[in-house]
N, C-alpha and C. Protein backbone atom coordinates (compact mmCIF):
# COMPACT_ATOMS: atom_id res chain seq x y z
N MET A 1 85.77 150.14 116.54
CA MET A 1 86.28 148.95 117.48
C MET A 1 85.54 147.59 117.20
N LYS A 2 84.21 147.70 116.81
CA LYS A 2 83.38 146.45 116.65
C LYS A 2 84.04 145.68 115.52
N SER A 3 84.31 146.46 114.38
CA SER A 3 84.77 145.77 113.08
C SER A 3 86.13 145.20 113.50
N ARG A 4 87.03 145.76 114.52
CA ARG A 4 88.06 145.00 114.81
C ARG A 4 88.00 143.78 115.51
N GLU A 5 86.84 143.76 116.44
CA GLU A 5 86.71 142.56 117.12
C GLU A 5 85.98 141.47 115.97
N THR A 6 85.20 141.89 115.20
CA THR A 6 84.59 141.03 114.05
C THR A 6 85.76 140.41 113.46
N LEU A 7 86.57 141.03 113.20
CA LEU A 7 87.91 140.77 112.25
C LEU A 7 88.53 139.84 112.98
N ILE A 8 88.89 139.84 114.33
CA ILE A 8 89.67 138.83 115.26
C ILE A 8 88.82 137.59 115.25
N ARG A 9 87.62 137.90 115.55
CA ARG A 9 86.88 136.47 115.71
C ARG A 9 86.67 135.79 114.11
N LEU A 10 86.75 136.44 113.06
CA LEU A 10 86.80 135.86 111.66
C LEU A 10 88.16 135.22 111.55
N LYS A 11 89.29 135.80 111.94
CA LYS A 11 90.69 135.04 112.00
C LYS A 11 90.69 134.05 112.98
N LYS A 12 90.19 134.01 114.01
CA LYS A 12 90.17 132.99 115.06
C LYS A 12 89.44 131.54 114.30
N PHE A 13 88.38 131.99 113.89
CA PHE A 13 87.46 130.81 113.17
C PHE A 13 88.19 130.19 112.07
N GLN A 14 88.87 131.10 111.17
CA GLN A 14 89.80 130.47 110.18
C GLN A 14 90.89 129.50 110.62
N VAL A 15 91.50 130.18 111.85
CA VAL A 15 92.46 129.43 112.07
C VAL A 15 92.26 127.88 112.85
N ASP A 16 90.82 128.09 113.52
CA ASP A 16 90.42 126.78 113.94
C ASP A 16 90.04 125.75 112.87
N GLU A 17 89.50 126.55 111.68
CA GLU A 17 89.12 125.57 110.57
C GLU A 17 90.30 124.86 109.99
N LYS A 18 91.56 125.69 109.84
CA LYS A 18 92.68 125.06 109.38
C LYS A 18 93.05 124.07 110.23
N ARG A 19 92.95 124.15 111.50
CA ARG A 19 93.61 123.37 112.59
C ARG A 19 92.63 122.09 112.60
N ARG A 20 91.27 122.00 112.12
CA ARG A 20 90.71 120.88 111.91
C ARG A 20 90.96 120.06 110.60
N ARG A 21 91.46 120.97 109.64
CA ARG A 21 91.77 120.31 108.50
C ARG A 21 93.10 119.56 108.52
N VAL A 22 93.96 120.19 109.35
CA VAL A 22 95.37 119.52 109.50
C VAL A 22 95.23 118.14 110.21
N ALA A 23 94.32 118.22 111.09
CA ALA A 23 93.73 117.00 111.98
C ALA A 23 93.22 116.02 110.92
N GLN A 24 92.44 116.32 110.32
CA GLN A 24 91.79 115.51 109.43
C GLN A 24 92.90 114.67 108.43
N ILE A 25 93.81 115.59 107.84
CA ILE A 25 94.60 115.10 106.89
C ILE A 25 95.69 114.21 107.72
N GLU A 26 96.23 114.47 108.92
CA GLU A 26 96.82 113.64 109.59
C GLU A 26 96.26 112.36 109.88
N GLY A 27 94.97 112.44 110.18
CA GLY A 27 94.01 111.15 110.32
C GLY A 27 94.16 110.38 109.01
N MET A 28 94.19 110.85 107.93
CA MET A 28 94.23 110.09 106.60
C MET A 28 95.31 109.65 106.36
N ILE A 29 96.38 110.41 106.73
CA ILE A 29 97.76 109.72 106.67
C ILE A 29 98.15 108.71 107.40
N ALA A 30 97.66 108.70 108.67
CA ALA A 30 97.84 107.58 109.47
C ALA A 30 97.01 106.39 108.97
N ASP A 31 95.75 106.45 108.31
CA ASP A 31 94.95 105.48 107.75
C ASP A 31 95.57 104.84 106.74
N PHE A 32 96.50 105.62 105.85
CA PHE A 32 97.03 105.18 104.58
C PHE A 32 98.32 104.34 105.07
N GLN A 33 98.91 104.84 106.11
CA GLN A 33 100.05 103.95 106.64
C GLN A 33 99.84 102.80 107.12
N ARG A 34 98.47 102.65 107.85
CA ARG A 34 98.06 101.45 108.25
C ARG A 34 97.56 100.44 107.00
N MET A 35 97.19 100.87 106.20
CA MET A 35 96.62 100.34 105.10
C MET A 35 97.69 99.41 104.15
N SER A 36 98.86 100.61 104.15
CA SER A 36 100.11 99.92 103.54
C SER A 36 100.75 99.12 104.35
N VAL A 37 100.94 99.16 105.57
CA VAL A 37 101.46 97.91 106.56
C VAL A 37 100.55 96.58 106.25
N ASP A 38 99.22 96.87 106.06
CA ASP A 38 98.32 95.60 106.03
C ASP A 38 98.68 94.90 104.76
N LEU A 39 98.65 95.72 103.67
CA LEU A 39 99.12 95.26 102.42
C LEU A 39 100.43 94.42 102.40
N GLU A 40 101.46 94.98 102.92
CA GLU A 40 102.61 94.45 102.90
C GLU A 40 102.61 93.09 103.64
N ARG A 41 101.82 93.01 104.66
CA ARG A 41 101.66 91.81 105.34
C ARG A 41 101.04 90.68 104.59
N GLU A 42 99.96 91.14 103.90
CA GLU A 42 99.11 90.20 103.02
C GLU A 42 100.02 89.66 101.97
N ILE A 43 100.83 90.56 101.36
CA ILE A 43 101.91 90.28 100.33
C ILE A 43 102.97 89.10 100.76
N GLN A 44 103.34 89.44 102.05
CA GLN A 44 104.18 88.51 102.67
C GLN A 44 103.79 87.27 103.01
N ASN A 45 102.52 87.22 103.31
CA ASN A 45 101.73 85.95 103.72
C ASN A 45 101.42 85.19 102.44
N GLU A 46 100.97 85.75 101.24
CA GLU A 46 100.76 85.09 100.22
C GLU A 46 102.26 84.64 99.58
N GLN A 47 103.15 85.33 99.55
CA GLN A 47 104.57 84.82 99.40
C GLN A 47 105.01 83.46 100.04
N ASP A 48 104.78 83.65 101.32
CA ASP A 48 105.21 82.55 102.21
C ASP A 48 104.41 81.35 101.80
N ARG A 49 102.96 81.66 101.72
CA ARG A 49 102.08 80.34 101.24
C ARG A 49 102.60 79.79 99.95
N ALA A 50 102.86 80.43 99.04
CA ALA A 50 103.21 80.10 97.69
C ALA A 50 104.63 79.47 97.61
N GLY A 51 105.60 79.95 98.63
CA GLY A 51 106.89 79.76 98.50
C GLY A 51 107.76 80.19 97.49
N ILE A 52 107.20 81.48 96.52
CA ILE A 52 108.04 81.96 95.62
C ILE A 52 108.03 83.30 96.06
N ASN A 53 109.17 83.93 95.89
CA ASN A 53 109.28 85.27 96.19
C ASN A 53 109.75 86.00 95.24
N ASP A 54 110.18 85.51 94.01
CA ASP A 54 110.46 86.28 92.90
C ASP A 54 109.43 86.38 91.95
N PRO A 55 108.88 87.94 91.81
CA PRO A 55 107.64 88.34 91.07
C PRO A 55 107.66 87.95 89.47
N THR A 56 109.15 87.82 89.09
CA THR A 56 109.30 87.51 87.58
C THR A 56 109.04 85.92 87.39
N HIS A 57 108.91 85.20 88.51
CA HIS A 57 108.77 83.51 88.38
C HIS A 57 107.33 83.40 87.70
N PHE A 58 107.50 82.32 86.73
CA PHE A 58 106.17 82.08 86.16
C PHE A 58 105.02 81.70 87.08
N ALA A 59 105.34 81.02 88.14
CA ALA A 59 104.29 80.45 89.11
C ALA A 59 103.95 81.51 90.00
N TYR A 60 104.57 82.69 90.07
CA TYR A 60 104.23 83.74 91.15
C TYR A 60 102.89 84.20 91.18
N ARG A 61 102.01 84.11 91.93
CA ARG A 61 100.61 84.38 92.11
C ARG A 61 100.33 85.71 91.67
N PRO A 62 99.16 86.03 90.93
CA PRO A 62 99.10 87.35 90.53
C PRO A 62 98.74 88.21 91.60
N MET A 63 97.99 87.87 92.70
CA MET A 63 97.55 88.98 93.49
C MET A 63 98.79 89.60 94.19
N PRO A 64 99.78 88.77 94.48
CA PRO A 64 100.91 89.77 95.42
C PRO A 64 101.59 90.59 94.45
N ARG A 65 101.85 90.12 93.10
CA ARG A 65 102.28 90.73 92.04
C ARG A 65 101.56 92.24 91.87
N ARG A 66 100.11 92.01 91.58
CA ARG A 66 99.61 93.39 91.31
C ARG A 66 99.81 94.18 92.54
N ARG A 67 99.59 93.67 93.91
CA ARG A 67 99.65 94.50 94.93
C ARG A 67 101.04 95.11 95.31
N SER A 68 102.31 94.35 94.98
CA SER A 68 103.58 94.71 95.05
C SER A 68 103.90 95.99 94.19
N SER A 69 103.21 95.73 92.84
CA SER A 69 103.41 96.57 91.80
C SER A 69 102.66 97.86 91.70
N GLY A 70 101.86 97.77 92.53
CA GLY A 70 100.68 98.98 92.79
C GLY A 70 99.76 98.75 91.65
N GLY A 71 99.58 97.72 91.18
CA GLY A 71 98.48 97.36 90.56
C GLY A 71 98.94 97.52 88.97
N LYS A 72 100.08 97.41 88.57
CA LYS A 72 100.68 97.81 87.21
C LYS A 72 101.27 96.46 86.74
N THR A 73 100.57 95.51 86.13
CA THR A 73 101.18 94.43 85.73
C THR A 73 101.25 94.34 84.18
C-alpha cells in the first residue's frame, strides 16, 4: 500500500512540474509576442520618419531593413 501512495505522490509531483513548465513556456510566448509588436512599431516609426517604405529603395535606412528581414541583409 505504501509503494502505491509513493507512486501516486511521484506522479502528482511530475504533473505539477509539467504544469509549471507549460506556464513558463506560455510566458515566454507572450514575451516574444510583445517583442514582435514592439519591433513592428519601431520599424513603422522608422519608415514614417524616413518617408520611405520600400526596402529596395537605395535610401531605405539599414535598421528597419535588418529588422524587417530578420537580420538577413
